[in-house]
């Protein structure tokens, strides 16, 4: 049996391990877990993205879940992961399932589990599902109960929530010109429906299960052609979402990429300084140290967590978390939803820009002026499992005296191996969703980041 849940659900290569037989096992195990929940009578929600056969996989999953006597609300079209989370929370359902592999390459599909509170299922819940998984007979027959399956317009439901939580009229009045790169994913057909068509230029907002030959992830290495498009249409700002639209990256008016580290910092500043909001802050191990400095300035409690938004979301349900996020583009604001949401975060940045009457580059420069310049990059190395293990084992000793000539001042291993040096840090860890070794670096100069990442790649 090849079903294993990682950092954010189960993901596997279609037709290899991601098969209807294995999907049946994952769905049956989830159904058993749902039967233990107090909300089980209200049922669950199932959504799907734009990947190859996602609709068919979702319909099959709905059939399996219904066969276990559980009510299913099945999305009537592709939807973003946050839309499923929102519907699950608003309807007080027992949980949600999203058929998606998020930002992974097009050969993958996946199975995300959402909890009743509208965010990723806690690690304890996933562990429980995996225990059920080990007990299920692969030859179990299922008979779908069509009376328990009801289609639902999750996309409109989600858009109405956006309208109630973002000052769209303020943005409309500014006549700001927006480019939206949905990366062929489930975030398409949202932003263009919220604004006058003259304000929005859509890019890769069509169905293409091959994603144009790239990973649908809002990172610089996957948006080269979009940058050219952005310059040609002369827009003011761009929102870029991943395959299931729970992640975000942006371009400023100069077509410079603005990563989630900076977006997180800008929103945190806005919530605390402009909206006068308070609360705790949660960030994952690979997120910028600038968040630490903002929290120190405003006397905010900050929690540093392992990589994976499920850890952030869990804290959002137990603590007074104002905002939480991770380095890979996932940012969530508890008051909106204890879930990362790339579309909402992108729109909130537009609200900040228009309310403060500043361009995105000006907002970023203000951040640099107050907290110092910082640069962040991530490299993904596709290496064998044997080599990956060897590198991690070597790095885990913590005995590297210097990184690219910069003396190491601190070592930490909350999740992976993090070496701190003057002016920055290097993190080496294995991906929880792909057979990849990730190298992360933040430093006070781009040259330093490049040197450190080259050094780290040399270890491989």
Protein backbone atom coordinates (compact mmCIF):
# COMPACT_ATOMS: atom_id res chain seq x y z
CA UNK A 1 0.00 0.00 0.00
CA UNK A 2 1.47 3.32 -1.09
CA UNK A 3 -0.53 5.91 0.88
CA UNK A 4 1.49 8.10 3.21
CA UNK A 5 0.54 11.49 4.58
CA UNK A 6 3.30 14.12 4.59
CA UNK A 7 3.61 17.81 5.46
CA UNK A 8 0.24 18.63 3.90
CA UNK A 9 -1.78 15.52 3.14
CA UNK A 10 -1.10 12.59 0.82
CA UNK A 11 0.48 13.24 -2.56
CA UNK A 12 1.63 10.75 -5.17
CA UNK A 13 2.27 10.32 -8.88
CA UNK A 14 -0.91 9.73 -10.86
CA UNK A 15 -1.32 6.14 -12.10
CA UNK A 16 1.69 4.98 -10.09
CA UNK A 17 0.64 5.32 -6.46
CA UNK A 18 -2.20 7.82 -6.93
CA UNK A 19 -4.75 5.29 -8.14
CA UNK A 20 -8.46 4.74 -7.53
CA UNK A 21 -7.57 1.73 -5.34
CA UNK A 22 -5.31 3.77 -3.09
CA UNK A 23 -7.71 6.72 -3.14
CA UNK A 24 -10.42 4.36 -1.89
CA UNK A 25 -8.22 3.42 1.07
CA UNK A 26 -7.50 7.07 1.93
CA UNK A 27 -11.22 7.91 1.69
CA UNK A 28 -12.31 4.94 3.81
CA UNK A 29 -9.75 5.80 6.50
CA UNK A 30 -10.94 9.41 6.50
CA UNK A 31 -14.56 8.24 6.75
CA UNK A 32 -13.71 6.17 9.82
CA UNK A 33 -12.12 9.23 11.37
CA UNK A 34 -15.18 11.37 10.51
CA UNK A 35 -17.38 8.85 12.34
CA UNK A 36 -15.47 9.69 15.55
CA UNK A 37 -16.18 13.42 15.24
CA UNK A 38 -19.07 15.09 17.10
CA UNK A 39 -20.08 16.89 13.88
CA UNK A 40 -20.33 13.67 11.84
CA UNK A 41 -24.08 14.03 11.26
CA UNK A 42 -23.49 17.27 9.33
CA UNK A 43 -21.20 15.54 6.86
CA UNK A 44 -18.17 16.76 4.96
CA UNK A 45 -17.26 18.93 1.98
CA UNK A 46 -15.22 17.74 -1.01
CA UNK A 47 -13.54 20.06 -3.51
CA UNK A 48 -11.01 19.63 -6.30
CA UNK A 49 -8.50 21.62 -8.33
CA UNK A 50 -7.72 21.79 -12.07
CA UNK A 51 -5.30 18.86 -12.23
CA UNK A 52 -5.64 15.85 -14.48
CA UNK A 53 -8.73 13.86 -13.43
CA UNK A 54 -9.21 15.83 -10.19
CA UNK A 55 -12.95 16.05 -10.85
CA UNK A 56 -13.22 12.30 -11.39
CA UNK A 57 -11.12 11.58 -8.31
CA UNK A 58 -13.35 13.91 -6.26
CA UNK A 59 -16.53 12.27 -7.51
CA UNK A 60 -15.09 8.85 -6.70
CA UNK A 61 -14.10 10.03 -3.21
CA UNK A 62 -17.61 11.38 -2.66
CA UNK A 63 -18.98 7.97 -3.58
CA UNK A 64 -16.70 6.20 -1.13
CA UNK A 65 -17.51 8.60 1.71
CA UNK A 66 -21.25 8.39 1.04
CA UNK A 67 -21.05 4.59 1.12
CA UNK A 68 -20.13 4.93 4.79
CA UNK A 69 -23.35 6.79 5.57
CA UNK A 70 -21.79 10.25 5.59
CA UNK A 71 -23.41 13.30 3.95
CA UNK A 72 -21.20 14.85 1.25
CA UNK A 73 -21.27 18.38 -0.19
CA UNK A 74 -19.42 18.07 -3.50
CA UNK A 75 -18.14 21.20 -5.25
CA UNK A 76 -19.93 21.86 -8.52
CA UNK A 77 -16.67 23.01 -10.17
CA UNK A 78 -12.97 23.36 -9.38
CA UNK A 79 -12.35 25.51 -6.31
CA UNK A 80 -9.46 26.73 -4.23
CA UNK A 81 -8.47 24.91 -1.06
CA UNK A 82 -9.47 27.92 1.11
CA UNK A 83 -12.97 27.75 -0.38
CA UNK A 84 -13.35 24.19 0.91
CA UNK A 85 -11.98 25.20 4.31
CA UNK A 86 -14.37 28.16 4.51
CA UNK A 87 -17.44 26.11 3.55
CA UNK A 88 -16.46 23.44 6.08
CA UNK A 89 -16.16 25.98 8.88
CA UNK A 90 -19.24 28.04 7.97
CA UNK A 91 -21.48 24.98 7.71
CA UNK A 92 -19.94 23.47 10.86
CA UNK A 93 -19.19 20.24 9.01
CA UNK A 94 -17.13 17.37 10.38
CA UNK A 95 -14.34 18.05 7.91
CA UNK A 96 -13.33 18.60 4.32
CA UNK A 97 -11.30 16.91 1.59
CA UNK A 98 -9.53 18.62 -1.29
CA UNK A 99 -8.31 16.62 -4.27
CA UNK A 100 -5.17 18.60 -5.07
CA UNK A 101 -1.42 18.36 -5.15
CA UNK A 102 -1.12 22.11 -4.63
CA UNK A 103 2.18 23.33 -6.10
CA UNK A 104 3.63 19.91 -6.99
CA UNK A 105 4.57 18.98 -10.58
CA UNK A 106 1.67 18.06 -12.91
CA UNK A 107 2.25 14.30 -12.64
CA UNK A 108 1.11 14.45 -9.00
CA UNK A 109 -2.28 14.58 -7.38
CA UNK A 110 -3.17 14.63 -3.72
CA UNK A 111 -5.63 14.38 -0.86
CA UNK A 112 -5.80 17.18 1.72
CA UNK A 113 -7.86 16.77 4.88
CA UNK A 114 -9.51 19.81 6.47
CA UNK A 115 -10.89 20.00 10.00
CA UNK A 116 -14.19 21.40 11.27
CA UNK A 117 -12.53 24.70 12.24
CA UNK A 118 -11.64 25.43 8.62
CA UNK A 119 -7.94 24.61 8.44
CA UNK A 120 -5.56 21.69 7.91
CA UNK A 121 -6.30 18.71 10.13
CA UNK A 122 -4.05 18.64 13.19
CA UNK A 123 -1.09 16.22 13.08
CA UNK A 124 -2.86 14.08 15.70
CA UNK A 125 -5.88 13.74 13.41
CA UNK A 126 -3.69 12.73 10.47
CA UNK A 127 -1.97 10.15 12.67
CA UNK A 128 -5.38 8.74 13.56
CA UNK A 129 -6.37 8.52 9.89
CA UNK A 130 -3.13 6.69 9.17
CA UNK A 131 -3.90 4.19 11.94
CA UNK A 132 -7.27 3.47 10.32
CA UNK A 133 -5.50 3.22 6.98
CA UNK A 134 -3.38 0.33 8.23
CA UNK A 135 -6.51 -1.58 9.26
CA UNK A 136 -8.51 -1.32 6.03
CA UNK A 137 -8.89 -4.33 3.75
CA UNK A 138 -7.94 -3.29 0.19
CA UNK A 139 -10.71 -5.57 -1.13
CA UNK A 140 -13.43 -3.68 0.72
CA UNK A 141 -16.42 -3.15 -1.57
CA UNK A 142 -18.12 0.24 -1.57
CA UNK A 143 -21.57 1.17 -2.81
CA UNK A 144 -22.06 4.94 -3.24
CA UNK A 145 -25.26 6.42 -1.84
CA UNK A 146 -26.28 9.14 -4.30
CA UNK A 147 -28.94 10.42 -1.88
CA UNK A 148 -26.16 11.53 0.46
CA UNK A 149 -24.26 13.51 -2.21
CA UNK A 150 -25.28 17.13 -2.82
CA UNK A 151 -23.49 19.55 -5.15
CA UNK A 152 -22.66 22.99 -3.80
CA UNK A 153 -21.47 26.28 -5.32
CA UNK A 154 -18.39 26.72 -3.14
CA UNK A 155 -16.84 29.36 -5.38
CA UNK A 156 -19.70 31.85 -4.99
CA UNK A 157 -19.88 31.10 -1.27
CA UNK A 158 -16.17 31.93 -0.98
CA UNK A 159 -16.39 35.10 -3.07
CA UNK A 160 -19.17 36.45 -0.87
CA UNK A 161 -16.88 35.96 2.14
CA UNK A 162 -14.11 37.87 0.34
CA UNK A 163 -16.51 40.74 -0.35
CA UNK A 164 -17.32 40.97 3.36
CA UNK A 165 -13.68 40.99 4.46
CA UNK A 166 -11.80 43.11 1.92
CA UNK A 167 -12.57 46.74 1.04
CA UNK A 168 -13.07 46.00 -2.64
CA UNK A 169 -14.75 49.36 -3.28
CA UNK A 170 -11.66 51.18 -2.03
CA UNK A 171 -9.55 49.15 -4.46
CA UNK A 172 -12.02 49.75 -7.30
CA UNK A 173 -11.99 53.49 -6.68
CA UNK A 174 -8.20 53.54 -6.93
CA UNK A 175 -8.40 52.11 -10.49
CA UNK A 176 -5.26 50.17 -9.74
CA UNK A 177 -4.32 47.88 -12.63
CA UNK A 178 -3.96 44.26 -11.56
CA UNK A 179 -2.41 41.25 -13.27
CA UNK A 180 -3.48 37.85 -11.97
CA UNK A 181 -1.44 34.75 -12.72
CA UNK A 182 -3.49 31.75 -11.60
CA UNK A 183 -0.78 29.39 -12.92
CA UNK A 184 -3.59 27.38 -14.56
CA UNK A 185 -4.84 26.59 -11.07
CA UNK A 186 -8.03 26.73 -9.05
CA UNK A 187 -7.66 30.44 -8.20
CA UNK A 188 -8.72 31.48 -11.70
CA UNK A 189 -12.10 33.12 -12.25
CA UNK A 190 -12.16 34.88 -8.88
CA UNK A 191 -10.23 38.16 -9.04
CA UNK A 192 -11.54 38.99 -12.52
CA UNK A 193 -15.11 38.54 -11.20
CA UNK A 194 -14.51 40.87 -8.25
CA UNK A 195 -13.41 43.87 -10.33
CA UNK A 196 -14.25 45.64 -13.55
CA UNK A 197 -12.62 43.80 -16.45
CA UNK A 198 -10.65 46.93 -17.34
CA UNK A 199 -8.77 46.61 -14.02
CA UNK A 200 -7.63 42.99 -14.36
CA UNK A 201 -5.35 41.26 -16.84
CA UNK A 202 -5.59 37.50 -16.47
CA UNK A 203 -2.67 35.19 -17.26
CA UNK A 204 -2.77 31.39 -17.34
CA UNK A 205 -6.37 31.54 -16.17
CA UNK A 206 -7.44 28.55 -18.26
CA UNK A 207 -7.49 24.81 -17.67
CA UNK A 208 -4.17 23.15 -18.50
CA UNK A 209 -3.43 20.03 -16.43
CA UNK A 210 0.19 20.13 -17.64
CA UNK A 211 0.61 23.64 -16.16
CA UNK A 212 2.60 24.70 -19.19
CA UNK A 213 5.44 22.41 -18.19
CA UNK A 214 6.21 24.12 -14.88
CA UNK A 215 5.39 23.58 -11.23
CA UNK A 216 2.38 25.78 -10.35
CA UNK A 217 4.24 27.50 -7.52
CA UNK A 218 4.58 31.29 -7.10
CA UNK A 219 8.37 31.41 -7.18
CA UNK A 220 10.74 33.38 -9.45
CA UNK A 221 11.96 30.34 -11.41
CA UNK A 222 8.41 29.59 -12.61
CA UNK A 223 7.22 33.05 -13.67
CA UNK A 224 9.74 34.22 -16.27
CA UNK A 225 7.20 34.48 -19.12
CA UNK A 226 4.67 36.12 -16.82
CA UNK A 227 7.14 38.88 -15.96
CA UNK A 228 7.41 39.67 -19.68
CA UNK A 229 3.61 39.71 -19.96
CA UNK A 230 3.36 41.98 -16.90
CA UNK A 231 5.67 44.53 -18.49
CA UNK A 232 3.82 44.43 -21.80
CA UNK A 233 0.38 45.14 -20.33
CA UNK A 234 1.69 47.94 -18.08
CA UNK A 235 -0.06 47.00 -14.86
CA UNK A 236 0.65 48.25 -11.33
CA UNK A 237 0.82 45.03 -9.35
CA UNK A 238 0.49 41.29 -9.82
CA UNK A 239 -0.97 38.51 -7.71
CA UNK A 240 0.39 35.01 -8.37
CA UNK A 241 -1.27 31.93 -6.91
CA UNK A 242 -0.29 28.27 -6.83
CA UNK A 243 -2.29 25.31 -8.10
CA UNK A 244 -4.91 25.33 -5.34
CA UNK A 245 -4.61 29.08 -4.58
CA UNK A 246 -3.62 28.82 -0.94
CA UNK A 247 -0.20 30.36 -1.65
CA UNK A 248 0.78 33.75 -2.99
CA UNK A 249 3.62 35.71 -4.49
CA UNK A 250 3.44 39.18 -6.03
CA UNK A 251 5.16 41.53 -8.47
CA UNK A 252 5.58 45.21 -7.71
CA UNK A 253 5.15 47.91 -10.35
CA UNK A 254 8.74 47.33 -11.55
CA UNK A 255 8.06 43.61 -12.11
CA UNK A 256 10.22 42.72 -9.11
CA UNK A 257 9.10 39.58 -7.27
CA UNK A 258 7.85 40.15 -3.72
CA UNK A 259 7.93 36.92 -1.74
CA UNK A 260 5.75 35.81 1.16
CA UNK A 261 8.38 36.86 3.72
CA UNK A 262 7.89 40.48 2.77
CA UNK A 263 4.12 40.12 2.34
CA UNK A 264 3.82 38.58 5.81
CA UNK A 265 5.85 41.43 7.31
CA UNK A 266 3.83 44.10 5.49
CA UNK A 267 0.52 42.65 6.64
CA UNK A 268 1.71 42.20 10.23
CA UNK A 269 2.81 45.87 10.31
CA UNK A 270 -0.53 46.94 8.85
CA UNK A 271 -2.64 44.94 11.29
CA UNK A 272 -0.70 46.16 14.33
CA UNK A 273 0.16 49.74 13.38
CA UNK A 274 -2.80 50.79 11.22
CA UNK A 275 -5.66 48.61 12.43
CA UNK A 276 -4.39 48.61 16.02
CA UNK A 277 -4.92 44.86 16.32
CA UNK A 278 -3.13 42.66 18.83
CA UNK A 279 -2.44 39.00 19.31
CA UNK A 280 0.26 36.39 18.98
CA UNK A 281 2.19 35.57 15.83
CA UNK A 282 3.08 32.14 14.43
CA UNK A 283 5.77 31.51 11.85
CA UNK A 284 7.46 28.39 10.57
CA UNK A 285 11.15 27.61 10.87
CA UNK A 286 12.00 28.80 7.35
CA UNK A 287 10.37 32.23 7.55
CA UNK A 288 12.24 35.53 7.76
CA UNK A 289 13.80 36.82 10.99
CA UNK A 290 12.21 40.21 10.25
CA UNK A 291 9.04 38.84 11.84
CA UNK A 292 10.98 38.38 15.10
CA UNK A 293 12.03 42.04 15.02
CA UNK A 294 8.53 43.33 14.32
CA UNK A 295 7.19 41.24 17.20
CA UNK A 296 9.92 42.54 19.51
CA UNK A 297 9.13 46.15 18.59
CA UNK A 298 5.42 45.73 19.32
CA UNK A 299 5.81 43.33 22.28
CA UNK A 300 4.00 40.51 20.49
CA UNK A 301 4.43 36.88 21.49
CA UNK A 302 5.96 34.95 18.59
CA UNK A 303 5.86 31.19 18.09
CA UNK A 304 8.40 29.45 15.83
CA UNK A 305 7.07 26.15 14.49
CA UNK A 306 8.16 23.23 12.28
CA UNK A 307 7.63 23.65 8.53
CA UNK A 308 4.05 22.98 7.46
CA UNK A 309 1.00 25.20 7.79
CA UNK A 310 -0.79 22.48 9.76
CA UNK A 311 1.32 23.48 12.77
CA UNK A 312 0.41 27.14 12.30
CA UNK A 313 -3.27 26.31 11.88
CA UNK A 314 -3.25 24.15 15.00
CA UNK A 315 -1.97 27.08 17.06
CA UNK A 316 -4.62 29.31 15.49
CA UNK A 317 -7.24 27.09 17.10
CA UNK A 318 -5.68 27.08 20.58
CA UNK A 319 -4.01 30.50 20.97
CA UNK A 320 -4.89 34.11 20.29
CA UNK A 321 -3.02 34.12 16.97
CA UNK A 322 -3.34 37.29 14.91
CA UNK A 323 -1.47 36.04 11.84
CA UNK A 324 0.53 32.98 10.92
CA UNK A 325 2.58 31.96 7.92
CA UNK A 326 5.27 29.94 6.23
CA UNK A 327 8.01 30.70 3.73
CA UNK A 328 6.42 28.98 0.75
CA UNK A 329 3.70 31.57 0.20
CA UNK A 330 1.18 30.45 2.79
CA UNK A 331 -0.19 33.18 5.06
CA UNK A 332 -3.33 33.04 7.17
CA UNK A 333 -5.20 35.58 9.31
CA UNK A 334 -7.27 33.92 12.02
CA UNK A 335 -10.10 36.45 11.89
CA UNK A 336 -10.66 35.52 8.24
CA UNK A 337 -9.93 31.78 8.36
CA UNK A 338 -7.37 29.59 10.21
CA UNK A 339 -6.04 28.63 6.80
CA UNK A 340 -3.61 30.07 4.31
CA UNK A 341 -5.31 31.83 1.42
CA UNK A 342 -3.36 33.20 -1.53
CA UNK A 343 -6.22 35.13 -3.12
CA UNK A 344 -7.33 36.83 0.10
CA UNK A 345 -3.77 37.77 1.07
CA UNK A 346 -3.12 39.24 -2.38
CA UNK A 347 -6.28 41.32 -2.16
CA UNK A 348 -5.41 42.48 1.34
CA UNK A 349 -2.07 43.77 0.03
CA UNK A 350 -4.01 45.74 -2.60
CA UNK A 351 -6.15 47.19 0.18
CA UNK A 352 -3.02 48.22 2.09
CA UNK A 353 -1.54 49.84 -1.03
CA UNK A 354 -4.68 51.84 -1.79
CA UNK A 355 -5.38 52.82 1.82
CA UNK A 356 -1.81 54.06 2.32
CA UNK A 357 -1.60 55.41 -1.24
CA UNK A 358 1.73 53.69 -1.86
CA UNK A 359 3.03 51.31 -4.48
CA UNK A 360 4.14 47.85 -3.43
CA UNK A 361 7.80 48.76 -3.93
CA UNK A 362 7.36 51.78 -1.65
CA UNK A 363 5.84 49.59 1.07
CA UNK A 364 8.76 47.16 0.78
CA UNK A 365 11.26 50.03 0.92
CA UNK A 366 9.62 51.28 4.12
CA UNK A 367 10.15 47.80 5.55
CA UNK A 368 13.84 47.91 4.58
CA UNK A 369 14.26 51.42 6.01
CA UNK A 370 12.93 50.31 9.37
CA UNK A 371 14.32 46.80 9.70
CA UNK A 372 17.19 46.60 7.24
CA UNK A 373 17.51 45.03 3.81
CA UNK A 374 17.04 41.29 3.59
CA UNK A 375 17.13 38.84 0.72
CA UNK A 376 15.73 35.31 0.63
CA UNK A 377 16.09 32.48 -1.88
CA UNK A 378 15.35 28.76 -1.94
CA UNK A 379 16.95 26.07 -4.08
CA UNK A 380 15.41 22.63 -4.59
CA UNK A 381 17.81 19.78 -5.31
CA UNK A 382 16.53 16.60 -6.92
CA UNK A 383 18.90 14.02 -5.49
CA UNK A 384 18.63 10.33 -4.69
CA UNK A 385 17.20 9.25 -1.33
CA UNK A 386 20.63 7.88 -0.42
CA UNK A 387 22.37 11.18 -1.15
CA UNK A 388 19.61 13.19 0.52
CA UNK A 389 19.98 11.14 3.69
CA UNK A 390 23.76 11.51 3.59
CA UNK A 391 23.54 15.30 3.30
CA UNK A 392 20.97 15.60 6.09
CA UNK A 393 23.04 13.32 8.31
CA UNK A 394 26.15 15.42 7.69
CA UNK A 395 24.33 18.71 8.28
CA UNK A 396 22.62 17.40 11.43
CA UNK A 397 25.91 17.13 13.27
CA UNK A 398 25.89 20.91 13.62
CA UNK A 399 29.67 20.96 13.40
CA UNK A 400 30.17 23.09 10.29
CA UNK A 401 32.43 25.89 11.63
CA UNK A 402 31.58 28.24 8.77
CA UNK A 403 29.18 28.58 5.87
CA UNK A 404 30.75 29.92 2.65
CA UNK A 405 33.40 31.58 4.79
CA UNK A 406 30.95 33.13 7.25
CA UNK A 407 31.52 31.88 10.83
CA UNK A 408 28.59 29.97 12.28
CA UNK A 409 27.25 31.60 15.44
CA UNK A 410 24.32 29.29 16.21
CA UNK A 411 22.84 25.93 15.18
CA UNK A 412 19.19 24.87 15.56
CA UNK A 413 17.32 21.79 14.43
CA UNK A 414 13.62 22.35 15.07
CA UNK A 415 12.90 21.09 11.54
CA UNK A 416 15.93 20.37 9.43
CA UNK A 417 19.35 21.85 10.08
CA UNK A 418 19.62 25.62 10.44
CA UNK A 419 22.99 27.35 10.59
CA UNK A 420 22.97 30.98 11.69
CA UNK A 421 25.83 33.24 10.64
CA UNK A 422 26.33 36.98 10.92
CA UNK A 423 23.67 38.63 8.80
CA UNK A 424 21.68 35.53 7.92
CA UNK A 425 20.98 31.82 8.08
CA UNK A 426 20.99 28.63 5.99
CA UNK A 427 18.41 25.87 6.43
CA UNK A 428 18.81 22.38 4.95
CA UNK A 429 15.81 20.05 5.09
CA UNK A 430 14.02 17.37 3.12
CA UNK A 431 10.68 18.25 1.51
CA UNK A 432 7.62 16.73 3.14
CA UNK A 433 5.69 16.54 -0.15
CA UNK A 434 8.31 15.72 -2.84
CA UNK A 435 11.57 13.69 -3.21
CA UNK A 436 13.54 16.91 -2.95
CA UNK A 437 16.22 18.42 -0.71
CA UNK A 438 15.46 22.07 0.02
CA UNK A 439 18.10 24.71 0.70
CA UNK A 440 16.80 27.96 2.21
CA UNK A 441 18.82 31.10 2.86
CA UNK A 442 18.17 34.59 4.15
CA UNK A 443 20.89 37.21 4.45
CA UNK A 444 21.51 40.94 4.44
CA UNK A 445 22.79 40.95 0.86
CA UNK A 446 21.90 39.08 -2.32
CA UNK A 447 25.57 38.28 -2.92
CA UNK A 448 25.79 36.59 0.48
CA UNK A 449 22.65 34.53 -0.23
CA UNK A 450 24.06 33.33 -3.57
CA UNK A 451 27.39 32.37 -2.00
CA UNK A 452 25.74 30.47 0.82
CA UNK A 453 23.38 28.56 -1.46
CA UNK A 454 26.28 27.67 -3.78
CA UNK A 455 28.20 26.38 -0.75
CA UNK A 456 25.20 24.34 0.40
CA UNK A 457 24.71 22.86 -3.08
CA UNK A 458 28.37 21.91 -2.98
CA UNK A 459 27.67 19.70 0.01
CA UNK A 460 25.46 17.66 -2.30
